[in-house]
Amino acid sequence: LVIDATTGQNGLIQAQKFTEATDVSDIAIAKLDGTARGGIAFAIARELGTPISYVGTGEKVTDFAEFNHEAFVDALFFDEGEA
């Protein structure tokens, strides 16, 4: 399941509806290169019991990476270079 980081609380409802139609094994967060912090992804992962596995931070294939929970949490609370 790919979650748009800019979706906000609507993402949780969308994810719940999506999983009614198909099985979801992993979550990817897209558009983390913008101003959105993607915090809704944690709520979705908890609600679905599904891990966050990948993040997208740009438009190129090379901007898609495995999820690093420590770096993600640091980015929620610190500006770049502060952590």
PDB file of N, CA and C in Angstrom:
ATOM      1  N   LEU A   1       0.853  -1.173   0.000  1.00  0.00           N
ATOM      2  CA  LEU A   1       0.000   0.000   0.000  1.00  0.00           C
ATOM      3  C   LEU A   1       0.895   1.231   0.000  1.00  0.00           C
ATOM      4  N   VAL A   2       0.693   2.119  -0.948  1.00  0.00           N
ATOM      5  CA  VAL A   2       1.468   3.359  -1.017  1.00  0.00           C
ATOM      6  C   VAL A   2       0.623   4.483  -0.429  1.00  0.00           C
ATOM      7  N   ILE A   3       1.174   5.153   0.584  1.00  0.00           N
ATOM      8  CA  ILE A   3       0.505   6.257   1.262  1.00  0.00           C
ATOM      9  C   ILE A   3       1.164   7.566   0.846  1.00  0.00           C
ATOM     10  N   ASP A   4       0.377   8.519   0.412  1.00  0.00           N
ATOM     11  CA  ASP A   4       0.866   9.857   0.093  1.00  0.00           C
ATOM     12  C   ASP A   4       1.067  10.605   1.413  1.00  0.00           C
ATOM     13  N   ALA A   5       2.274  11.073   1.676  1.00  0.00           N
ATOM     14  CA  ALA A   5       2.591  11.741   2.944  1.00  0.00           C
ATOM     15  C   ALA A   5       1.756  12.994   3.172  1.00  0.00           C
ATOM     16  N   THR A   6       1.198  13.556   2.107  1.00  0.00           N
ATOM     17  CA  THR A   6       0.410  14.779   2.244  1.00  0.00           C
ATOM     18  C   THR A   6      -1.066  14.504   2.545  1.00  0.00           C
ATOM     19  N   THR A   7      -1.458  13.250   2.608  1.00  0.00           N
ATOM     20  CA  THR A   7      -2.862  12.874   2.755  1.00  0.00           C
ATOM     21  C   THR A   7      -3.466  13.257   4.093  1.00  0.00           C
ATOM     22  N   GLY A   8      -2.712  13.149   5.161  1.00  0.00           N
ATOM     23  CA  GLY A   8      -3.244  13.462   6.480  1.00  0.00           C
ATOM     24  C   GLY A   8      -4.190  12.379   6.971  1.00  0.00           C
ATOM     25  N   GLN A   9      -5.157  12.765   7.809  1.00  0.00           N
ATOM     26  CA  GLN A   9      -6.063  11.804   8.440  1.00  0.00           C
ATOM     27  C   GLN A   9      -6.919  11.022   7.447  1.00  0.00           C
ATOM     28  N   ASN A  10      -7.175  11.582   6.275  1.00  0.00           N
ATOM     29  CA  ASN A  10      -7.938  10.846   5.261  1.00  0.00           C
ATOM     30  C   ASN A  10      -7.218   9.581   4.830  1.00  0.00           C
ATOM     31  N   GLY A  11      -5.899   9.566   4.968  1.00  0.00           N
ATOM     32  CA  GLY A  11      -5.115   8.391   4.599  1.00  0.00           C
ATOM     33  C   GLY A  11      -5.494   7.164   5.397  1.00  0.00           C
ATOM     34  N   LEU A  12      -5.845   7.342   6.653  1.00  0.00           N
ATOM     35  CA  LEU A  12      -6.243   6.217   7.498  1.00  0.00           C
ATOM     36  C   LEU A  12      -7.543   5.592   6.992  1.00  0.00           C
ATOM     37  N   ILE A  13      -8.506   6.421   6.658  1.00  0.00           N
ATOM     38  CA  ILE A  13      -9.777   5.920   6.124  1.00  0.00           C
ATOM     39  C   ILE A  13      -9.553   5.226   4.786  1.00  0.00           C
ATOM     40  N   GLN A  14      -8.734   5.829   3.922  1.00  0.00           N
ATOM     41  CA  GLN A  14      -8.443   5.230   2.624  1.00  0.00           C
ATOM     42  C   GLN A  14      -7.763   3.878   2.790  1.00  0.00           C
ATOM     43  N   ALA A  15      -6.817   3.783   3.716  1.00  0.00           N
ATOM     44  CA  ALA A  15      -6.103   2.531   3.950  1.00  0.00           C
ATOM     45  C   ALA A  15      -7.045   1.446   4.458  1.00  0.00           C
ATOM     46  N   GLN A  16      -7.947   1.813   5.362  1.00  0.00           N
ATOM     47  CA  GLN A  16      -8.917   0.842   5.879  1.00  0.00           C
ATOM     48  C   GLN A  16      -9.804   0.315   4.751  1.00  0.00           C
ATOM     49  N   LYS A  17     -10.282   1.201   3.888  1.00  0.00           N
ATOM     50  CA  LYS A  17     -11.134   0.792   2.767  1.00  0.00           C
ATOM     51  C   LYS A  17     -10.356  -0.074   1.781  1.00  0.00           C
ATOM     52  N   PHE A  18      -9.107   0.283   1.533  1.00  0.00           N
ATOM     53  CA  PHE A  18      -8.275  -0.465   0.595  1.00  0.00           C
ATOM     54  C   PHE A  18      -8.065  -1.897   1.078  1.00  0.00           C
ATOM     55  N   THR A  19      -7.815  -2.058   2.379  1.00  0.00           N
ATOM     56  CA  THR A  19      -7.561  -3.397   2.912  1.00  0.00           C
ATOM     57  C   THR A  19      -8.827  -4.254   2.966  1.00  0.00           C
ATOM     58  N   GLU A  20      -9.987  -3.638   2.842  1.00  0.00           N
ATOM     59  CA  GLU A  20     -11.219  -4.419   2.726  1.00  0.00           C
ATOM     60  C   GLU A  20     -11.289  -5.126   1.373  1.00  0.00           C
ATOM     61  N   ALA A  21     -10.578  -4.582   0.374  1.00  0.00           N
ATOM     62  CA  ALA A  21     -10.627  -5.119  -0.980  1.00  0.00           C
ATOM     63  C   ALA A  21      -9.457  -6.038  -1.314  1.00  0.00           C
ATOM     64  N   THR A  22      -8.332  -5.890  -0.610  1.00  0.00           N
ATOM     65  CA  THR A  22      -7.151  -6.684  -0.940  1.00  0.00           C
ATOM     66  C   THR A  22      -6.241  -6.819   0.276  1.00  0.00           C
ATOM     67  N   ASP A  23      -5.350  -7.792   0.221  1.00  0.00           N
ATOM     68  CA  ASP A  23      -4.376  -7.971   1.298  1.00  0.00           C
ATOM     69  C   ASP A  23      -3.250  -6.955   1.147  1.00  0.00           C
ATOM     70  N   VAL A  24      -2.783  -6.443   2.268  1.00  0.00           N
ATOM     71  CA  VAL A  24      -1.671  -5.487   2.272  1.00  0.00           C
ATOM     72  C   VAL A  24      -0.553  -6.076   3.120  1.00  0.00           C
ATOM     73  N   SER A  25       0.644  -6.195   2.538  1.00  0.00           N
ATOM     74  CA  SER A  25       1.764  -6.792   3.268  1.00  0.00           C
ATOM     75  C   SER A  25       2.767  -5.759   3.753  1.00  0.00           C
ATOM     76  N   ASP A  26       2.838  -4.612   3.080  1.00  0.00           N
ATOM     77  CA  ASP A  26       3.805  -3.568   3.419  1.00  0.00           C
ATOM     78  C   ASP A  26       3.208  -2.208   3.100  1.00  0.00           C
ATOM     79  N   ILE A  27       3.814  -1.172   3.704  1.00  0.00           N
ATOM     80  CA  ILE A  27       3.421   0.206   3.436  1.00  0.00           C
ATOM     81  C   ILE A  27       4.631   0.961   2.905  1.00  0.00           C
ATOM     82  N   ALA A  28       4.404   1.763   1.876  1.00  0.00           N
ATOM     83  CA  ALA A  28       5.412   2.682   1.356  1.00  0.00           C
ATOM     84  C   ALA A  28       4.850   4.094   1.513  1.00  0.00           C
ATOM     85  N   ILE A  29       5.695   5.027   1.922  1.00  0.00           N
ATOM     86  CA  ILE A  29       5.281   6.420   2.078  1.00  0.00           C
ATOM     87  C   ILE A  29       5.880   7.219   0.929  1.00  0.00           C
ATOM     88  N   ALA A  30       5.036   7.879   0.147  1.00  0.00           N
ATOM     89  CA  ALA A  30       5.492   8.682  -0.980  1.00  0.00           C
ATOM     90  C   ALA A  30       5.406  10.167  -0.639  1.00  0.00           C
ATOM     91  N   LYS A  31       6.132  10.966  -1.393  1.00  0.00           N
ATOM     92  CA  LYS A  31       6.119  12.431  -1.305  1.00  0.00           C
ATOM     93  C   LYS A  31       6.687  12.974   0.007  1.00  0.00           C
ATOM     94  N   LEU A  32       7.677  12.298   0.563  1.00  0.00           N
ATOM     95  CA  LEU A  32       8.320  12.822   1.769  1.00  0.00           C
ATOM     96  C   LEU A  32       9.324  13.922   1.454  1.00  0.00           C
ATOM     97  N   ASP A  33       9.481  14.266   0.176  1.00  0.00           N
ATOM     98  CA  ASP A  33      10.383  15.343  -0.206  1.00  0.00           C
ATOM     99  C   ASP A  33       9.736  16.713  -0.048  1.00  0.00           C
ATOM    100  N   GLY A  34       8.451  16.756   0.201  1.00  0.00           N
ATOM    101  CA  GLY A  34       7.744  18.022   0.388  1.00  0.00           C
ATOM    102  C   GLY A  34       7.747  18.442   1.844  1.00  0.00           C
ATOM    103  N   THR A  35       6.816  19.289   2.191  1.00  0.00           N
ATOM    104  CA  THR A  35       6.743  19.787   3.566  1.00  0.00           C
ATOM    105  C   THR A  35       6.032  18.823   4.505  1.00  0.00           C
ATOM    106  N   ALA A  36       5.318  17.842   3.953  1.00  0.00           N
ATOM    107  CA  ALA A  36       4.610  16.870   4.795  1.00  0.00           C
ATOM    108  C   ALA A  36       5.604  16.000   5.548  1.00  0.00           C
ATOM    109  N   ARG A  37       5.275  15.665   6.771  1.00  0.00           N
ATOM    110  CA  ARG A  37       6.159  14.844   7.600  1.00  0.00           C
ATOM    111  C   ARG A  37       5.784  13.365   7.567  1.00  0.00           C
ATOM    112  N   GLY A  38       4.614  13.041   7.095  1.00  0.00           N
ATOM    113  CA  GLY A  38       4.233  11.642   6.951  1.00  0.00           C
ATOM    114  C   GLY A  38       3.872  10.928   8.233  1.00  0.00           C
ATOM    115  N   GLY A  39       3.552  11.676   9.285  1.00  0.00           N
ATOM    116  CA  GLY A  39       3.223  11.066  10.568  1.00  0.00           C
ATOM    117  C   GLY A  39       2.019  10.138  10.521  1.00  0.00           C
ATOM    118  N   ILE A  40       1.105  10.363   9.567  1.00  0.00           N
ATOM    119  CA  ILE A  40      -0.075   9.507   9.452  1.00  0.00           C
ATOM    120  C   ILE A  40       0.321   8.071   9.153  1.00  0.00           C
ATOM    121  N   ALA A  41       1.486   7.868   8.558  1.00  0.00           N
ATOM    122  CA  ALA A  41       1.919   6.513   8.214  1.00  0.00           C
ATOM    123  C   ALA A  41       2.029   5.627   9.446  1.00  0.00           C
ATOM    124  N   PHE A  42       2.454   6.185  10.577  1.00  0.00           N
ATOM    125  CA  PHE A  42       2.543   5.400  11.809  1.00  0.00           C
ATOM    126  C   PHE A  42       1.160   4.960  12.280  1.00  0.00           C
ATOM    127  N   ALA A  43       0.181   5.845  12.192  1.00  0.00           N
ATOM    128  CA  ALA A  43      -1.185   5.495  12.585  1.00  0.00           C
ATOM    129  C   ALA A  43      -1.741   4.401  11.678  1.00  0.00           C
ATOM    130  N   ILE A  44      -1.458   4.503  10.398  1.00  0.00           N
ATOM    131  CA  ILE A  44      -1.933   3.497   9.450  1.00  0.00           C
ATOM    132  C   ILE A  44      -1.258   2.157   9.710  1.00  0.00           C
ATOM    133  N   ALA A  45       0.055   2.177   9.909  1.00  0.00           N
ATOM    134  CA  ALA A  45       0.790   0.938  10.184  1.00  0.00           C
ATOM    135  C   ALA A  45       0.264   0.268  11.451  1.00  0.00           C
ATOM    136  N   ARG A  46       0.005   1.056  12.476  1.00  0.00           N
ATOM    137  CA  ARG A  46      -0.517   0.510  13.734  1.00  0.00           C
ATOM    138  C   ARG A  46      -1.916  -0.058  13.533  1.00  0.00           C
ATOM    139  N   GLU A  47      -2.769   0.685  12.855  1.00  0.00           N
ATOM    140  CA  GLU A  47      -4.151   0.250  12.634  1.00  0.00           C
ATOM    141  C   GLU A  47      -4.220  -1.038  11.812  1.00  0.00           C
ATOM    142  N   LEU A  48      -3.380  -1.133  10.778  1.00  0.00           N
ATOM    143  CA  LEU A  48      -3.418  -2.294   9.891  1.00  0.00           C
ATOM    144  C   LEU A  48      -2.534  -3.437  10.374  1.00  0.00           C
ATOM    145  N   GLY A  49      -1.625  -3.140  11.315  1.00  0.00           N
ATOM    146  CA  GLY A  49      -0.673  -4.158  11.750  1.00  0.00           C
ATOM    147  C   GLY A  49       0.306  -4.511  10.646  1.00  0.00           C
ATOM    148  N   THR A  50       0.646  -3.521   9.843  1.00  0.00           N
ATOM    149  CA  THR A  50       1.479  -3.699   8.656  1.00  0.00           C
ATOM    150  C   THR A  50       2.722  -2.823   8.766  1.00  0.00           C
ATOM    151  N   PRO A  51       3.905  -3.351   8.432  1.00  0.00           N
ATOM    152  CA  PRO A  51       5.123  -2.549   8.566  1.00  0.00           C
ATOM    153  C   PRO A  51       5.282  -1.499   7.464  1.00  0.00           C
ATOM    154  N   ILE A  52       5.945  -0.408   7.815  1.00  0.00           N
ATOM    155  CA  ILE A  52       6.372   0.576   6.820  1.00  0.00           C
ATOM    156  C   ILE A  52       7.705   0.066   6.293  1.00  0.00           C
ATOM    157  N   SER A  53       7.776  -0.200   5.010  1.00  0.00           N
ATOM    158  CA  SER A  53       8.975  -0.803   4.436  1.00  0.00           C
ATOM    159  C   SER A  53       9.781   0.132   3.546  1.00  0.00           C
ATOM    160  N   TYR A  54       9.109   1.087   2.888  1.00  0.00           N
ATOM    161  CA  TYR A  54       9.797   1.938   1.919  1.00  0.00           C
ATOM    162  C   TYR A  54       9.335   3.383   2.025  1.00  0.00           C
ATOM    163  N   VAL A  55      10.191   4.299   1.579  1.00  0.00           N
ATOM    164  CA  VAL A  55       9.858   5.718   1.500  1.00  0.00           C
ATOM    165  C   VAL A  55      10.292   6.258   0.145  1.00  0.00           C
ATOM    166  N   GLY A  56       9.537   7.217  -0.343  1.00  0.00           N
ATOM    167  CA  GLY A  56       9.880   7.909  -1.573  1.00  0.00           C
ATOM    168  C   GLY A  56      10.108   9.374  -1.262  1.00  0.00           C
ATOM    169  N   THR A  57      11.254   9.888  -1.685  1.00  0.00           N
ATOM    170  CA  THR A  57      11.600  11.280  -1.381  1.00  0.00           C
ATOM    171  C   THR A  57      11.844  12.108  -2.634  1.00  0.00           C
ATOM    172  N   GLY A  58      11.373  11.634  -3.761  1.00  0.00           N
ATOM    173  CA  GLY A  58      11.560  12.365  -5.007  1.00  0.00           C
ATOM    174  C   GLY A  58      10.860  11.652  -6.146  1.00  0.00           C
ATOM    175  N   GLU A  59      11.186  12.063  -7.368  1.00  0.00           N
ATOM    176  CA  GLU A  59      10.507  11.524  -8.541  1.00  0.00           C
ATOM    177  C   GLU A  59      11.281  10.432  -9.254  1.00  0.00           C
ATOM    178  N   LYS A  60      12.524  10.199  -8.875  1.00  0.00           N
ATOM    179  CA  LYS A  60      13.363   9.211  -9.553  1.00  0.00           C
ATOM    180  C   LYS A  60      13.341   7.884  -8.801  1.00  0.00           C
ATOM    181  N   VAL A  61      13.663   6.814  -9.515  1.00  0.00           N
ATOM    182  CA  VAL A  61      13.743   5.490  -8.894  1.00  0.00           C
ATOM    183  C   VAL A  61      14.762   5.496  -7.765  1.00  0.00           C
ATOM    184  N   THR A  62      15.822   6.257  -7.918  1.00  0.00           N
ATOM    185  CA  THR A  62      16.865   6.320  -6.886  1.00  0.00           C
ATOM    186  C   THR A  62      16.401   7.049  -5.631  1.00  0.00           C
ATOM    187  N   ASP A  63      15.257   7.710  -5.687  1.00  0.00           N
ATOM    188  CA  ASP A  63      14.697   8.414  -4.527  1.00  0.00           C
ATOM    189  C   ASP A  63      13.794   7.512  -3.684  1.00  0.00           C
ATOM    190  N   PHE A  64      13.706   6.244  -4.056  1.00  0.00           N
ATOM    191  CA  PHE A  64      12.899   5.256  -3.342  1.00  0.00           C
ATOM    192  C   PHE A  64      13.852   4.399  -2.519  1.00  0.00           C
ATOM    193  N   ALA A  65      13.648   4.336  -1.201  1.00  0.00           N
ATOM    194  CA  ALA A  65      14.600   3.635  -0.332  1.00  0.00           C
ATOM    195  C   ALA A  65      13.884   2.825   0.739  1.00  0.00           C
ATOM    196  N   GLU A  66      14.624   1.904   1.341  1.00  0.00           N
ATOM    197  CA  GLU A  66      14.078   1.164   2.474  1.00  0.00           C
ATOM    198  C   GLU A  66      13.839   2.122   3.626  1.00  0.00           C
ATOM    199  N   PHE A  67      12.794   1.874   4.378  1.00  0.00           N
ATOM    200  CA  PHE A  67      12.420   2.712   5.511  1.00  0.00           C
ATOM    201  C   PHE A  67      13.419   2.537   6.650  1.00  0.00           C
ATOM    202  N   ASN A  68      13.901   3.654   7.186  1.00  0.00           N
ATOM    203  CA  ASN A  68      14.797   3.664   8.345  1.00  0.00           C
ATOM    204  C   ASN A  68      14.044   4.377   9.458  1.00  0.00           C
ATOM    205  N   HIS A  69      13.559   3.618  10.441  1.00  0.00           N
ATOM    206  CA  HIS A  69      12.698   4.212  11.470  1.00  0.00           C
ATOM    207  C   HIS A  69      13.403   5.272  12.301  1.00  0.00           C
ATOM    208  N   GLU A  70      14.693   5.109  12.566  1.00  0.00           N
ATOM    209  CA  GLU A  70      15.411   6.115  13.361  1.00  0.00           C
ATOM    210  C   GLU A  70      15.526   7.433  12.605  1.00  0.00           C
ATOM    211  N   ALA A  71      15.885   7.371  11.338  1.00  0.00           N
ATOM    212  CA  ALA A  71      15.998   8.588  10.531  1.00  0.00           C
ATOM    213  C   ALA A  71      14.634   9.262  10.366  1.00  0.00           C
ATOM    214  N   PHE A  72      13.582   8.463  10.227  1.00  0.00           N
ATOM    215  CA  PHE A  72      12.238   9.013  10.066  1.00  0.00           C
ATOM    216  C   PHE A  72      11.800   9.767  11.313  1.00  0.00           C
ATOM    217  N   VAL A  73      11.992   9.166  12.484  1.00  0.00           N
ATOM    218  CA  VAL A  73      11.604   9.821  13.742  1.00  0.00           C
ATOM    219  C   VAL A  73      12.427  11.080  13.961  1.00  0.00           C
ATOM    220  N   ASP A  74      13.724  11.024  13.689  1.00  0.00           N
ATOM    221  CA  ASP A  74      14.560  12.222  13.810  1.00  0.00           C
ATOM    222  C   ASP A  74      14.040  13.340  12.911  1.00  0.00           C
ATOM    223  N   ALA A  75      13.629  12.996  11.687  1.00  0.00           N
ATOM    224  CA  ALA A  75      13.129  14.004  10.747  1.00  0.00           C
ATOM    225  C   ALA A  75      11.815  14.622  11.221  1.00  0.00           C
ATOM    226  N   LEU A  76      11.031  13.883  12.008  1.00  0.00           N
ATOM    227  CA  LEU A  76       9.787  14.433  12.544  1.00  0.00           C
ATOM    228  C   LEU A  76      10.044  15.535  13.567  1.00  0.00           C
ATOM    229  N   PHE A  77      11.148  15.403  14.313  1.00  0.00           N
ATOM    230  CA  PHE A  77      11.393  16.301  15.439  1.00  0.00           C
ATOM    231  C   PHE A  77      12.525  17.300  15.243  1.00  0.00           C
ATOM    232  N   PHE A  78      13.411  17.047  14.284  1.00  0.00           N
ATOM    233  CA  PHE A  78      14.572  17.907  14.097  1.00  0.00           C
ATOM    234  C   PHE A  78      14.660  18.385  12.662  1.00  0.00           C
ATOM    235  N   ASP A  79      15.186  19.598  12.485  1.00  0.00           N
ATOM    236  CA  ASP A  79      15.493  20.073  11.147  1.00  0.00           C
ATOM    237  C   ASP A  79      16.738  19.345  10.671  1.00  0.00           C
ATOM    238  N   GLU A  80      16.951  19.321   9.361  1.00  0.00           N
ATOM    239  CA  GLU A  80      18.095  18.621   8.794  1.00  0.00           C
ATOM    240  C   GLU A  80      19.398  19.096   9.440  1.00  0.00           C
ATOM    241  N   GLY A  81      20.221  18.149   9.876  1.00  0.00           N
ATOM    242  CA  GLY A  81      21.507  18.473  10.477  1.00  0.00           C
ATOM    243  C   GLY A  81      21.487  18.657  11.978  1.00  0.00           C
ATOM    244  N   GLU A  82      20.318  18.700  12.626  1.00  0.00           N
ATOM    245  CA  GLU A  82      20.228  18.912  14.070  1.00  0.00           C
ATOM    246  C   GLU A  82      20.335  17.625  14.880  1.00  0.00           C
ATOM    247  N   ALA A  83      19.910  16.511  14.331  1.00  0.00           N
ATOM    248  CA  ALA A  83      19.854  15.253  15.095  1.00  0.00           C
ATOM    249  C   ALA A  83      21.218  14.685  15.389  1.00  0.00           C
TER     250      ALA A  83
END
